[in-house]
């Protein structure tokens, strides 16, 4: 295993777990830990961003290359993730919105699937 793959494995696992636990702390009212959840999720997101930058540097690429395509892909990813999240909230949290939540969730999944041809391209 190459160094960058091993480093990505470790940092990705740590960042993903911190982010997921932080989101659970925020979204489960039984835990009563919204503020610490936001902090832990933010730390997880920072670890994931550090992983991305370190991986690019280890491959000899510039840390961050800002282009219109990159900004568009990030915007599409954010909109897709938020749409999927709203659909999940509609089905699991809000009463009487099961069908609409499923529809909104599917739209979010389609938006996220659009990232594949946008980033990889069609051949």
PDB file of N, CA and C in Angstrom:
ATOM      1  N   UNK A   1       0.845  -1.172   0.000  1.00  0.00           N
ATOM      2  CA  UNK A   1       0.000   0.000   0.000  1.00  0.00           C
ATOM      3  C   UNK A   1       0.892   1.239   0.000  1.00  0.00           C
ATOM      4  N   UNK A   2       0.529   2.186  -0.857  1.00  0.00           N
ATOM      5  CA  UNK A   2       1.300   3.424  -0.932  1.00  0.00           C
ATOM      6  C   UNK A   2       1.016   4.302   0.273  1.00  0.00           C
ATOM      7  N   UNK A   3       1.971   5.203   0.542  1.00  0.00           N
ATOM      8  CA  UNK A   3       1.832   6.085   1.707  1.00  0.00           C
ATOM      9  C   UNK A   3       0.575   6.948   1.631  1.00  0.00           C
ATOM     10  N   UNK A   4       0.307   7.516   0.440  1.00  0.00           N
ATOM     11  CA  UNK A   4      -0.855   8.397   0.345  1.00  0.00           C
ATOM     12  C   UNK A   4      -2.160   7.631   0.547  1.00  0.00           C
ATOM     13  N   UNK A   5      -2.204   6.365   0.107  1.00  0.00           N
ATOM     14  CA  UNK A   5      -3.411   5.566   0.319  1.00  0.00           C
ATOM     15  C   UNK A   5      -3.591   5.221   1.798  1.00  0.00           C
ATOM     16  N   UNK A   6      -2.494   4.882   2.468  1.00  0.00           N
ATOM     17  CA  UNK A   6      -2.578   4.560   3.893  1.00  0.00           C
ATOM     18  C   UNK A   6      -2.967   5.797   4.703  1.00  0.00           C
ATOM     19  N   UNK A   7      -2.360   6.927   4.371  1.00  0.00           N
ATOM     20  CA  UNK A   7      -2.687   8.170   5.062  1.00  0.00           C
ATOM     21  C   UNK A   7      -4.152   8.547   4.823  1.00  0.00           C
ATOM     22  N   UNK A   8      -4.631   8.362   3.596  1.00  0.00           N
ATOM     23  CA  UNK A   8      -6.035   8.653   3.296  1.00  0.00           C
ATOM     24  C   UNK A   8      -6.960   7.717   4.053  1.00  0.00           C
ATOM     25  N   UNK A   9      -6.580   6.470   4.185  1.00  0.00           N
ATOM     26  CA  UNK A   9      -7.382   5.501   4.927  1.00  0.00           C
ATOM     27  C   UNK A   9      -7.522   5.914   6.389  1.00  0.00           C
ATOM     28  N   UNK A  10      -6.406   6.257   7.009  1.00  0.00           N
ATOM     29  CA  UNK A  10      -6.430   6.622   8.428  1.00  0.00           C
ATOM     30  C   UNK A  10      -7.177   7.937   8.650  1.00  0.00           C
ATOM     31  N   UNK A  11      -6.785   8.994   7.930  1.00  0.00           N
ATOM     32  CA  UNK A  11      -7.427  10.287   8.126  1.00  0.00           C
ATOM     33  C   UNK A  11      -8.886  10.277   7.685  1.00  0.00           C
ATOM     34  N   UNK A  12      -9.195   9.547   6.618  1.00  0.00           N
ATOM     35  CA  UNK A  12     -10.581   9.454   6.167  1.00  0.00           C
ATOM     36  C   UNK A  12     -11.463   8.753   7.184  1.00  0.00           C
ATOM     37  N   UNK A  13     -10.945   7.700   7.794  1.00  0.00           N
ATOM     38  CA  UNK A  13     -11.710   6.991   8.818  1.00  0.00           C
ATOM     39  C   UNK A  13     -11.928   7.868  10.048  1.00  0.00           C
ATOM     40  N   UNK A  14     -10.865   8.505  10.505  1.00  0.00           N
ATOM     41  CA  UNK A  14     -10.986   9.365  11.688  1.00  0.00           C
ATOM     42  C   UNK A  14     -11.920  10.538  11.413  1.00  0.00           C
ATOM     43  N   UNK A  15     -11.724  11.220  10.295  1.00  0.00           N
ATOM     44  CA  UNK A  15     -12.569  12.362   9.949  1.00  0.00           C
ATOM     45  C   UNK A  15     -14.018  11.960   9.735  1.00  0.00           C
ATOM     46  N   UNK A  16     -14.245  10.841   9.061  1.00  0.00           N
ATOM     47  CA  UNK A  16     -15.612  10.374   8.826  1.00  0.00           C
ATOM     48  C   UNK A  16     -16.333  10.009  10.107  1.00  0.00           C
ATOM     49  N   UNK A  17     -15.634   9.332  11.007  1.00  0.00           N
ATOM     50  CA  UNK A  17     -16.256   8.959  12.281  1.00  0.00           C
ATOM     51  C   UNK A  17     -16.553  10.196  13.117  1.00  0.00           C
ATOM     52  N   UNK A  18     -15.610  11.127  13.200  1.00  0.00           N
ATOM     53  CA  UNK A  18     -15.864  12.354  13.959  1.00  0.00           C
ATOM     54  C   UNK A  18     -17.045  13.128  13.377  1.00  0.00           C
ATOM     55  N   UNK A  19     -17.085  13.237  12.064  1.00  0.00           N
ATOM     56  CA  UNK A  19     -18.171  13.965  11.423  1.00  0.00           C
ATOM     57  C   UNK A  19     -19.512  13.275  11.676  1.00  0.00           C
ATOM     58  N   UNK A  20     -19.558  11.951  11.537  1.00  0.00           N
ATOM     59  CA  UNK A  20     -20.811  11.212  11.735  1.00  0.00           C
ATOM     60  C   UNK A  20     -21.288  11.289  13.185  1.00  0.00           C
ATOM     61  N   UNK A  21     -20.377  11.128  14.134  1.00  0.00           N
ATOM     62  CA  UNK A  21     -20.767  11.212  15.546  1.00  0.00           C
ATOM     63  C   UNK A  21     -21.242  12.621  15.884  1.00  0.00           C
ATOM     64  N   UNK A  22     -20.565  13.625  15.338  1.00  0.00           N
ATOM     65  CA  UNK A  22     -20.988  15.006  15.563  1.00  0.00           C
ATOM     66  C   UNK A  22     -22.382  15.268  15.013  1.00  0.00           C
ATOM     67  N   UNK A  23     -22.676  14.733  13.836  1.00  0.00           N
ATOM     68  CA  UNK A  23     -24.011  14.907  13.262  1.00  0.00           C
ATOM     69  C   UNK A  23     -25.060  14.185  14.096  1.00  0.00           C
ATOM     70  N   UNK A  24     -24.731  13.004  14.594  1.00  0.00           N
ATOM     71  CA  UNK A  24     -25.670  12.290  15.472  1.00  0.00           C
ATOM     72  C   UNK A  24     -25.931  13.100  16.740  1.00  0.00           C
ATOM     73  N   UNK A  25     -24.889  13.687  17.286  1.00  0.00           N
ATOM     74  CA  UNK A  25     -25.056  14.497  18.495  1.00  0.00           C
ATOM     75  C   UNK A  25     -25.958  15.699  18.218  1.00  0.00           C
ATOM     76  N   UNK A  26     -25.851  16.260  17.025  1.00  0.00           N
ATOM     77  CA  UNK A  26     -26.677  17.422  16.676  1.00  0.00           C
ATOM     78  C   UNK A  26     -28.128  17.033  16.426  1.00  0.00           C
ATOM     79  N   UNK A  27     -28.337  15.903  15.784  1.00  0.00           N
ATOM     80  CA  UNK A  27     -29.671  15.588  15.284  1.00  0.00           C
ATOM     81  C   UNK A  27     -30.512  14.734  16.222  1.00  0.00           C
ATOM     82  N   UNK A  28     -29.919  14.151  17.242  1.00  0.00           N
ATOM     83  CA  UNK A  28     -30.703  13.331  18.164  1.00  0.00           C
ATOM     84  C   UNK A  28     -31.004  14.151  19.419  1.00  0.00           C
ATOM     85  N   UNK A  29     -32.248  14.593  19.559  1.00  0.00           N
ATOM     86  CA  UNK A  29     -32.569  15.444  20.714  1.00  0.00           C
ATOM     87  C   UNK A  29     -32.424  14.713  22.046  1.00  0.00           C
ATOM     88  N   UNK A  30     -32.494  13.385  22.024  1.00  0.00           N
ATOM     89  CA  UNK A  30     -32.344  12.627  23.269  1.00  0.00           C
ATOM     90  C   UNK A  30     -30.948  12.788  23.862  1.00  0.00           C
ATOM     91  N   UNK A  31     -29.971  13.042  23.018  1.00  0.00           N
ATOM     92  CA  UNK A  31     -28.599  13.186  23.496  1.00  0.00           C
ATOM     93  C   UNK A  31     -28.365  14.544  24.134  1.00  0.00           C
ATOM     94  N   UNK A  32     -29.145  15.553  23.752  1.00  0.00           N
ATOM     95  CA  UNK A  32     -29.032  16.905  24.291  1.00  0.00           C
ATOM     96  C   UNK A  32     -27.589  17.433  24.193  1.00  0.00           C
ATOM     97  N   UNK A  33     -27.007  17.289  23.006  1.00  0.00           N
ATOM     98  CA  UNK A  33     -25.605  17.670  22.822  1.00  0.00           C
ATOM     99  C   UNK A  33     -25.412  18.389  21.492  1.00  0.00           C
ATOM    100  N   UNK A  34     -26.255  19.369  21.212  1.00  0.00           N
ATOM    101  CA  UNK A  34     -26.168  20.052  19.920  1.00  0.00           C
ATOM    102  C   UNK A  34     -24.846  20.802  19.761  1.00  0.00           C
ATOM    103  N   UNK A  35     -24.492  21.645  20.723  1.00  0.00           N
ATOM    104  CA  UNK A  35     -23.275  22.458  20.594  1.00  0.00           C
ATOM    105  C   UNK A  35     -22.006  21.614  20.528  1.00  0.00           C
ATOM    106  N   UNK A  36     -21.822  20.612  21.427  1.00  0.00           N
ATOM    107  CA  UNK A  36     -20.631  19.771  21.264  1.00  0.00           C
ATOM    108  C   UNK A  36     -20.650  18.983  19.951  1.00  0.00           C
ATOM    109  N   UNK A  37     -21.850  18.655  19.470  1.00  0.00           N
ATOM    110  CA  UNK A  37     -21.953  17.943  18.195  1.00  0.00           C
ATOM    111  C   UNK A  37     -21.463  18.785  17.034  1.00  0.00           C
ATOM    112  N   UNK A  38     -21.795  20.062  17.050  1.00  0.00           N
ATOM    113  CA  UNK A  38     -21.322  20.966  15.997  1.00  0.00           C
ATOM    114  C   UNK A  38     -19.800  21.053  16.028  1.00  0.00           C
ATOM    115  N   UNK A  39     -19.227  21.132  17.217  1.00  0.00           N
ATOM    116  CA  UNK A  39     -17.767  21.231  17.350  1.00  0.00           C
ATOM    117  C   UNK A  39     -17.103  19.953  16.828  1.00  0.00           C
ATOM    118  N   UNK A  40     -17.618  18.804  17.221  1.00  0.00           N
ATOM    119  CA  UNK A  40     -17.010  17.530  16.798  1.00  0.00           C
ATOM    120  C   UNK A  40     -17.168  17.338  15.292  1.00  0.00           C
ATOM    121  N   UNK A  41     -18.331  17.686  14.744  1.00  0.00           N
ATOM    122  CA  UNK A  41     -18.530  17.573  13.298  1.00  0.00           C
ATOM    123  C   UNK A  41     -17.595  18.513  12.545  1.00  0.00           C
ATOM    124  N   UNK A  42     -17.379  19.717  13.068  1.00  0.00           N
ATOM    125  CA  UNK A  42     -16.458  20.660  12.429  1.00  0.00           C
ATOM    126  C   UNK A  42     -15.025  20.127  12.457  1.00  0.00           C
ATOM    127  N   UNK A  43     -14.638  19.515  13.564  1.00  0.00           N
ATOM    128  CA  UNK A  43     -13.299  18.919  13.649  1.00  0.00           C
ATOM    129  C   UNK A  43     -13.163  17.794  12.623  1.00  0.00           C
ATOM    130  N   UNK A  44     -14.202  16.970  12.493  1.00  0.00           N
ATOM    131  CA  UNK A  44     -14.190  15.902  11.488  1.00  0.00           C
ATOM    132  C   UNK A  44     -14.062  16.453  10.083  1.00  0.00           C
ATOM    133  N   UNK A  45     -14.780  17.539   9.783  1.00  0.00           N
ATOM    134  CA  UNK A  45     -14.698  18.144   8.455  1.00  0.00           C
ATOM    135  C   UNK A  45     -13.302  18.701   8.201  1.00  0.00           C
ATOM    136  N   UNK A  46     -12.686  19.304   9.212  1.00  0.00           N
ATOM    137  CA  UNK A  46     -11.326  19.830   9.064  1.00  0.00           C
ATOM    138  C   UNK A  46     -10.341  18.693   8.803  1.00  0.00           C
ATOM    139  N   UNK A  47     -10.494  17.576   9.518  1.00  0.00           N
ATOM    140  CA  UNK A  47      -9.609  16.417   9.292  1.00  0.00           C
ATOM    141  C   UNK A  47      -9.768  15.912   7.855  1.00  0.00           C
ATOM    142  N   UNK A  48     -10.990  15.882   7.346  1.00  0.00           N
ATOM    143  CA  UNK A  48     -11.207  15.424   5.972  1.00  0.00           C
ATOM    144  C   UNK A  48     -10.598  16.390   4.959  1.00  0.00           C
ATOM    145  N   UNK A  49     -10.676  17.689   5.218  1.00  0.00           N
ATOM    146  CA  UNK A  49     -10.058  18.669   4.313  1.00  0.00           C
ATOM    147  C   UNK A  49      -8.536  18.549   4.361  1.00  0.00           C
ATOM    148  N   UNK A  50      -7.985  18.336   5.552  1.00  0.00           N
ATOM    149  CA  UNK A  50      -6.539  18.128   5.678  1.00  0.00           C
ATOM    150  C   UNK A  50      -6.112  16.888   4.898  1.00  0.00           C
ATOM    151  N   UNK A  51      -6.921  15.826   4.973  1.00  0.00           N
ATOM    152  CA  UNK A  51      -6.619  14.607   4.229  1.00  0.00           C
ATOM    153  C   UNK A  51      -6.569  14.896   2.730  1.00  0.00           C
ATOM    154  N   UNK A  52      -7.544  15.651   2.230  1.00  0.00           N
ATOM    155  CA  UNK A  52      -7.584  15.961   0.807  1.00  0.00           C
ATOM    156  C   UNK A  52      -6.351  16.754   0.380  1.00  0.00           C
ATOM    157  N   UNK A  53      -6.005  17.772   1.149  1.00  0.00           N
ATOM    158  CA  UNK A  53      -4.850  18.607   0.804  1.00  0.00           C
ATOM    159  C   UNK A  53      -3.560  17.797   0.908  1.00  0.00           C
ATOM    160  N   UNK A  54      -3.400  17.010   1.964  1.00  0.00           N
ATOM    161  CA  UNK A  54      -2.179  16.211   2.133  1.00  0.00           C
ATOM    162  C   UNK A  54      -2.039  15.174   1.025  1.00  0.00           C
ATOM    163  N   UNK A  55      -3.136  14.572   0.616  1.00  0.00           N
ATOM    164  CA  UNK A  55      -3.080  13.572  -0.452  1.00  0.00           C
ATOM    165  C   UNK A  55      -2.638  14.211  -1.761  1.00  0.00           C
ATOM    166  N   UNK A  56      -3.165  15.387  -2.053  1.00  0.00           N
ATOM    167  CA  UNK A  56      -2.768  16.062  -3.288  1.00  0.00           C
ATOM    168  C   UNK A  56      -1.289  16.448  -3.254  1.00  0.00           C
ATOM    169  N   UNK A  57      -0.820  16.911  -2.106  1.00  0.00           N
ATOM    170  CA  UNK A  57       0.589  17.293  -1.983  1.00  0.00           C
ATOM    171  C   UNK A  57       1.475  16.060  -2.123  1.00  0.00           C
ATOM    172  N   UNK A  58       1.067  14.928  -1.545  1.00  0.00           N
ATOM    173  CA  UNK A  58       1.871  13.701  -1.640  1.00  0.00           C
ATOM    174  C   UNK A  58       1.926  13.173  -3.066  1.00  0.00           C
ATOM    175  N   UNK A  59       0.935  13.487  -3.885  1.00  0.00           N
ATOM    176  CA  UNK A  59       0.948  13.074  -5.285  1.00  0.00           C
ATOM    177  C   UNK A  59       1.673  14.069  -6.175  1.00  0.00           C
ATOM    178  N   UNK A  60       2.168  15.171  -5.586  1.00  0.00           N
ATOM    179  CA  UNK A  60       2.913  16.165  -6.348  1.00  0.00           C
ATOM    180  C   UNK A  60       2.027  17.171  -7.054  1.00  0.00           C
ATOM    181  N   UNK A  61       0.765  17.242  -6.698  1.00  0.00           N
ATOM    182  CA  UNK A  61      -0.155  18.202  -7.295  1.00  0.00           C
ATOM    183  C   UNK A  61      -0.266  19.415  -6.377  1.00  0.00           C
ATOM    184  N   UNK A  62      -0.734  20.527  -6.911  1.00  0.00           N
ATOM    185  CA  UNK A  62      -0.952  21.683  -6.032  1.00  0.00           C
ATOM    186  C   UNK A  62      -2.045  21.357  -5.008  1.00  0.00           C
ATOM    187  N   UNK A  63      -1.927  21.954  -3.830  1.00  0.00           N
ATOM    188  CA  UNK A  63      -2.861  21.635  -2.745  1.00  0.00           C
ATOM    189  C   UNK A  63      -4.303  21.879  -3.161  1.00  0.00           C
ATOM    190  N   UNK A  64      -4.596  23.039  -3.666  1.00  0.00           N
ATOM    191  CA  UNK A  64      -5.949  23.350  -4.115  1.00  0.00           C
ATOM    192  C   UNK A  64      -5.844  24.112  -5.428  1.00  0.00           C
ATOM    193  N   UNK A  65      -6.554  23.618  -6.428  1.00  0.00           N
ATOM    194  CA  UNK A  65      -6.575  24.271  -7.730  1.00  0.00           C
ATOM    195  C   UNK A  65      -8.008  24.758  -7.958  1.00  0.00           C
ATOM    196  N   UNK A  66      -8.206  26.058  -7.912  1.00  0.00           N
ATOM    197  CA  UNK A  66      -9.547  26.622  -8.026  1.00  0.00           C
ATOM    198  C   UNK A  66      -9.836  26.940  -9.489  1.00  0.00           C
ATOM    199  N   UNK A  67     -10.818  26.237 -10.034  1.00  0.00           N
ATOM    200  CA  UNK A  67     -11.302  26.500 -11.381  1.00  0.00           C
ATOM    201  C   UNK A  67     -12.820  26.587 -11.323  1.00  0.00           C
ATOM    202  N   UNK A  68     -13.409  26.999 -12.422  1.00  0.00           N
ATOM    203  CA  UNK A  68     -14.866  27.061 -12.490  1.00  0.00           C
ATOM    204  C   UNK A  68     -15.493  25.682 -12.325  1.00  0.00           C
ATOM    205  N   UNK A  69     -14.848  24.666 -12.888  1.00  0.00           N
ATOM    206  CA  UNK A  69     -15.355  23.302 -12.775  1.00  0.00           C
ATOM    207  C   UNK A  69     -15.315  22.832 -11.323  1.00  0.00           C
ATOM    208  N   UNK A  70     -14.246  23.168 -10.608  1.00  0.00           N
ATOM    209  CA  UNK A  70     -14.131  22.779  -9.199  1.00  0.00           C
ATOM    210  C   UNK A  70     -15.205  23.453  -8.357  1.00  0.00           C
ATOM    211  N   UNK A  71     -15.398  24.734  -8.568  1.00  0.00           N
ATOM    212  CA  UNK A  71     -16.419  25.469  -7.814  1.00  0.00           C
ATOM    213  C   UNK A  71     -17.800  24.916  -8.132  1.00  0.00           C
ATOM    214  N   UNK A  72     -18.068  24.621  -9.396  1.00  0.00           N
ATOM    215  CA  UNK A  72     -19.356  24.047  -9.789  1.00  0.00           C
ATOM    216  C   UNK A  72     -19.582  22.678  -9.181  1.00  0.00           C
ATOM    217  N   UNK A  73     -18.542  21.848  -9.161  1.00  0.00           N
ATOM    218  CA  UNK A  73     -18.669  20.515  -8.579  1.00  0.00           C
ATOM    219  C   UNK A  73     -18.928  20.591  -7.078  1.00  0.00           C
ATOM    220  N   UNK A  74     -18.240  21.501  -6.406  1.00  0.00           N
ATOM    221  CA  UNK A  74     -18.454  21.666  -4.958  1.00  0.00           C
ATOM    222  C   UNK A  74     -19.866  22.169  -4.695  1.00  0.00           C
ATOM    223  N   UNK A  75     -20.322  23.131  -5.490  1.00  0.00           N
ATOM    224  CA  UNK A  75     -21.681  23.655  -5.320  1.00  0.00           C
ATOM    225  C   UNK A  75     -22.722  22.571  -5.571  1.00  0.00           C
ATOM    226  N   UNK A  76     -22.527  21.775  -6.617  1.00  0.00           N
ATOM    227  CA  UNK A  76     -23.463  20.685  -6.905  1.00  0.00           C
ATOM    228  C   UNK A  76     -23.447  19.655  -5.785  1.00  0.00           C
ATOM    229  N   UNK A  77     -22.289  19.339  -5.249  1.00  0.00           N
ATOM    230  CA  UNK A  77     -22.199  18.397  -4.135  1.00  0.00           C
ATOM    231  C   UNK A  77     -22.918  18.900  -2.893  1.00  0.00           C
ATOM    232  N   UNK A  78     -22.766  20.185  -2.601  1.00  0.00           N
ATOM    233  CA  UNK A  78     -23.431  20.764  -1.434  1.00  0.00           C
ATOM    234  C   UNK A  78     -24.942  20.749  -1.624  1.00  0.00           C
ATOM    235  N   UNK A  79     -25.402  21.177  -2.793  1.00  0.00           N
ATOM    236  CA  UNK A  79     -26.844  21.199  -3.053  1.00  0.00           C
ATOM    237  C   UNK A  79     -27.415  19.776  -3.022  1.00  0.00           C
ATOM    238  N   UNK A  80     -26.702  18.823  -3.615  1.00  0.00           N
ATOM    239  CA  UNK A  80     -27.174  17.437  -3.615  1.00  0.00           C
ATOM    240  C   UNK A  80     -27.244  16.847  -2.216  1.00  0.00           C
ATOM    241  N   UNK A  81     -26.213  17.096  -1.415  1.00  0.00           N
ATOM    242  CA  UNK A  81     -26.204  16.566  -0.050  1.00  0.00           C
ATOM    243  C   UNK A  81     -27.301  17.205   0.796  1.00  0.00           C
ATOM    244  N   UNK A  82     -27.493  18.513   0.648  1.00  0.00           N
ATOM    245  CA  UNK A  82     -28.558  19.179   1.400  1.00  0.00           C
ATOM    246  C   UNK A  82     -29.938  18.695   0.958  1.00  0.00           C
ATOM    247  N   UNK A  83     -30.116  18.484  -0.334  1.00  0.00           N
ATOM    248  CA  UNK A  83     -31.398  17.992  -0.830  1.00  0.00           C
ATOM    249  C   UNK A  83     -31.677  16.591  -0.303  1.00  0.00           C
ATOM    250  N   UNK A  84     -30.679  15.732  -0.333  1.00  0.00           N
ATOM    251  CA  UNK A  84     -30.847  14.388   0.215  1.00  0.00           C
ATOM    252  C   UNK A  84     -31.150  14.452   1.704  1.00  0.00           C
ATOM    253  N   UNK A  85     -30.482  15.322   2.424  1.00  0.00           N
ATOM    254  CA  UNK A  85     -30.724  15.472   3.858  1.00  0.00           C
ATOM    255  C   UNK A  85     -32.115  15.982   4.168  1.00  0.00           C
ATOM    256  N   UNK A  86     -32.599  16.933   3.378  1.00  0.00           N
ATOM    257  CA  UNK A  86     -33.961  17.434   3.588  1.00  0.00           C
ATOM    258  C   UNK A  86     -34.973  16.328   3.321  1.00  0.00           C
ATOM    259  N   UNK A  87     -34.730  15.531   2.287  1.00  0.00           N
ATOM    260  CA  UNK A  87     -35.619  14.397   2.011  1.00  0.00           C
ATOM    261  C   UNK A  87     -35.643  13.402   3.156  1.00  0.00           C
ATOM    262  N   UNK A  88     -34.470  13.147   3.740  1.00  0.00           N
ATOM    263  CA  UNK A  88     -34.420  12.235   4.890  1.00  0.00           C
ATOM    264  C   UNK A  88     -35.171  12.821   6.085  1.00  0.00           C
ATOM    265  N   UNK A  89     -35.024  14.122   6.314  1.00  0.00           N
ATOM    266  CA  UNK A  89     -35.759  14.763   7.416  1.00  0.00           C
ATOM    267  C   UNK A  89     -37.256  14.701   7.176  1.00  0.00           C
ATOM    268  N   UNK A  90     -37.664  14.896   5.934  1.00  0.00           N
ATOM    269  CA  UNK A  90     -39.091  14.853   5.630  1.00  0.00           C
ATOM    270  C   UNK A  90     -39.678  13.473   5.916  1.00  0.00           C
ATOM    271  N   UNK A  91     -38.913  12.422   5.647  1.00  0.00           N
ATOM    272  CA  UNK A  91     -39.450  11.080   5.871  1.00  0.00           C
ATOM    273  C   UNK A  91     -39.350  10.644   7.319  1.00  0.00           C
ATOM    274  N   UNK A  92     -38.300  11.042   8.024  1.00  0.00           N
ATOM    275  CA  UNK A  92     -38.062  10.498   9.362  1.00  0.00           C
ATOM    276  C   UNK A  92     -38.434  11.429  10.503  1.00  0.00           C
ATOM    277  N   UNK A  93     -38.452  12.733  10.294  1.00  0.00           N
ATOM    278  CA  UNK A  93     -38.651  13.666  11.391  1.00  0.00           C
ATOM    279  C   UNK A  93     -40.001  14.359  11.288  1.00  0.00           C
ATOM    280  N   UNK A  94     -40.303  14.899  10.129  1.00  0.00           N
ATOM    281  CA  UNK A  94     -41.522  15.675   9.971  1.00  0.00           C
ATOM    282  C   UNK A  94     -42.697  14.754   9.677  1.00  0.00           C
ATOM    283  N   UNK A  95     -43.812  14.998  10.293  1.00  0.00           N
ATOM    284  CA  UNK A  95     -44.990  14.129  10.177  1.00  0.00           C
ATOM    285  C   UNK A  95     -45.738  14.396   8.871  1.00  0.00           C
ATOM    286  N   UNK A  96     -46.200  13.324   8.241  1.00  0.00           N
ATOM    287  CA  UNK A  96     -47.073  13.429   7.074  1.00  0.00           C
ATOM    288  C   UNK A  96     -46.395  13.776   5.767  1.00  0.00           C
ATOM    289  N   UNK A  97     -45.090  13.688   5.694  1.00  0.00           N
ATOM    290  CA  UNK A  97     -44.382  14.049   4.462  1.00  0.00           C
ATOM    291  C   UNK A  97     -43.574  12.883   3.890  1.00  0.00           C
ATOM    292  N   UNK A  98     -44.017  11.671   4.134  1.00  0.00           N
ATOM    293  CA  UNK A  98     -43.247  10.494   3.715  1.00  0.00           C
ATOM    294  C   UNK A  98     -43.038  10.454   2.195  1.00  0.00           C
ATOM    295  N   UNK A  99     -44.103  10.567   1.430  1.00  0.00           N
ATOM    296  CA  UNK A  99     -43.991  10.459  -0.037  1.00  0.00           C
ATOM    297  C   UNK A  99     -43.151  11.608  -0.597  1.00  0.00           C
ATOM    298  N   UNK A 100     -43.427  12.846  -0.137  1.00  0.00           N
ATOM    299  CA  UNK A 100     -42.638  13.982  -0.609  1.00  0.00           C
ATOM    300  C   UNK A 100     -41.175  13.859  -0.189  1.00  0.00           C
ATOM    301  N   UNK A 101     -40.938  13.307   0.985  1.00  0.00           N
ATOM    302  CA  UNK A 101     -39.567  13.106   1.435  1.00  0.00           C
ATOM    303  C   UNK A 101     -38.815  12.116   0.568  1.00  0.00           C
ATOM    304  N   UNK A 102     -39.501  11.061   0.160  1.00  0.00           N
ATOM    305  CA  UNK A 102     -38.872  10.084  -0.735  1.00  0.00           C
ATOM    306  C   UNK A 102     -38.542  10.733  -2.076  1.00  0.00           C
ATOM    307  N   UNK A 103     -39.460  11.535  -2.584  1.00  0.00           N
ATOM    308  CA  UNK A 103     -39.224  12.205  -3.871  1.00  0.00           C
ATOM    309  C   UNK A 103     -38.045  13.182  -3.767  1.00  0.00           C
ATOM    310  N   UNK A 104     -38.030  13.986  -2.715  1.00  0.00           N
ATOM    311  CA  UNK A 104     -36.928  14.945  -2.530  1.00  0.00           C
ATOM    312  C   UNK A 104     -35.603  14.199  -2.333  1.00  0.00           C
ATOM    313  N   UNK A 105     -35.620  13.088  -1.581  1.00  0.00           N
ATOM    314  CA  UNK A 105     -34.414  12.291  -1.388  1.00  0.00           C
ATOM    315  C   UNK A 105     -33.885  11.719  -2.690  1.00  0.00           C
ATOM    316  N   UNK A 106     -34.777  11.257  -3.555  1.00  0.00           N
ATOM    317  CA  UNK A 106     -34.356  10.722  -4.856  1.00  0.00           C
ATOM    318  C   UNK A 106     -33.753  11.830  -5.713  1.00  0.00           C
ATOM    319  N   UNK A 107     -34.332  13.028  -5.656  1.00  0.00           N
ATOM    320  CA  UNK A 107     -33.748  14.164  -6.388  1.00  0.00           C
ATOM    321  C   UNK A 107     -32.331  14.439  -5.874  1.00  0.00           C
ATOM    322  N   UNK A 108     -32.137  14.382  -4.558  1.00  0.00           N
ATOM    323  CA  UNK A 108     -30.806  14.582  -3.992  1.00  0.00           C
ATOM    324  C   UNK A 108     -29.821  13.519  -4.454  1.00  0.00           C
ATOM    325  N   UNK A 109     -30.272  12.274  -4.512  1.00  0.00           N
ATOM    326  CA  UNK A 109     -29.404  11.196  -4.991  1.00  0.00           C
ATOM    327  C   UNK A 109     -29.028  11.419  -6.449  1.00  0.00           C
ATOM    328  N   UNK A 110     -29.994  11.828  -7.275  1.00  0.00           N
ATOM    329  CA  UNK A 110     -29.707  12.095  -8.691  1.00  0.00           C
ATOM    330  C   UNK A 110     -28.703  13.239  -8.831  1.00  0.00           C
ATOM    331  N   UNK A 111     -28.866  14.291  -8.027  1.00  0.00           N
ATOM    332  CA  UNK A 111     -27.901  15.397  -8.072  1.00  0.00           C
ATOM    333  C   UNK A 111     -26.497  14.914  -7.709  1.00  0.00           C
ATOM    334  N   UNK A 112     -26.403  14.064  -6.690  1.00  0.00           N
ATOM    335  CA  UNK A 112     -25.085  13.548  -6.308  1.00  0.00           C
ATOM    336  C   UNK A 112     -24.518  12.617  -7.377  1.00  0.00           C
ATOM    337  N   UNK A 113     -25.373  11.859  -8.042  1.00  0.00           N
ATOM    338  CA  UNK A 113     -24.898  10.995  -9.123  1.00  0.00           C
ATOM    339  C   UNK A 113     -24.407  11.810 -10.321  1.00  0.00           C
ATOM    340  N   UNK A 114     -24.926  13.021 -10.485  1.00  0.00           N
ATOM    341  CA  UNK A 114     -24.461  13.892 -11.568  1.00  0.00           C
ATOM    342  C   UNK A 114     -23.008  14.317 -11.375  1.00  0.00           C
ATOM    343  N   UNK A 115     -22.504  14.193 -10.155  1.00  0.00           N
ATOM    344  CA  UNK A 115     -21.107  14.548  -9.907  1.00  0.00           C
ATOM    345  C   UNK A 115     -20.145  13.608 -10.637  1.00  0.00           C
ATOM    346  N   UNK A 116     -20.530  12.361 -10.810  1.00  0.00           N
ATOM    347  CA  UNK A 116     -19.617  11.388 -11.440  1.00  0.00           C
ATOM    348  C   UNK A 116     -19.249  11.803 -12.857  1.00  0.00           C
ATOM    349  N   UNK A 117     -20.219  12.017 -13.757  1.00  0.00           N
ATOM    350  CA  UNK A 117     -19.800  12.445 -15.101  1.00  0.00           C
ATOM    351  C   UNK A 117     -19.200  13.852 -15.121  1.00  0.00           C
ATOM    352  N   UNK A 118     -19.598  14.704 -14.174  1.00  0.00           N
ATOM    353  CA  UNK A 118     -19.034  16.048 -14.133  1.00  0.00           C
ATOM    354  C   UNK A 118     -17.541  16.006 -13.793  1.00  0.00           C
ATOM    355  N   UNK A 119     -17.180  15.163 -12.834  1.00  0.00           N
ATOM    356  CA  UNK A 119     -15.785  15.112 -12.389  1.00  0.00           C
ATOM    357  C   UNK A 119     -14.948  14.192 -13.284  1.00  0.00           C
ATOM    358  N   UNK A 120     -15.456  13.000 -13.555  1.00  0.00           N
ATOM    359  CA  UNK A 120     -14.694  12.030 -14.356  1.00  0.00           C
ATOM    360  C   UNK A 120     -14.804  12.283 -15.846  1.00  0.00           C
ATOM    361  N   UNK A 121     -15.925  12.858 -16.284  1.00  0.00           N
ATOM    362  CA  UNK A 121     -16.151  13.087 -17.705  1.00  0.00           C
ATOM    363  C   UNK A 121     -16.718  11.853 -18.380  1.00  0.00           C
ATOM    364  N   UNK A 122     -17.267  12.058 -19.545  1.00  0.00           N
ATOM    365  CA  UNK A 122     -17.804  10.959 -20.350  1.00  0.00           C
ATOM    366  C   UNK A 122     -16.806  10.606 -21.425  1.00  0.00           C
ATOM    367  N   UNK A 123     -16.627   9.305 -21.640  1.00  0.00           N
ATOM    368  CA  UNK A 123     -15.648   8.869 -22.660  1.00  0.00           C
ATOM    369  C   UNK A 123     -16.342   8.067 -23.726  1.00  0.00           C
TER     370      UNK A 123
END
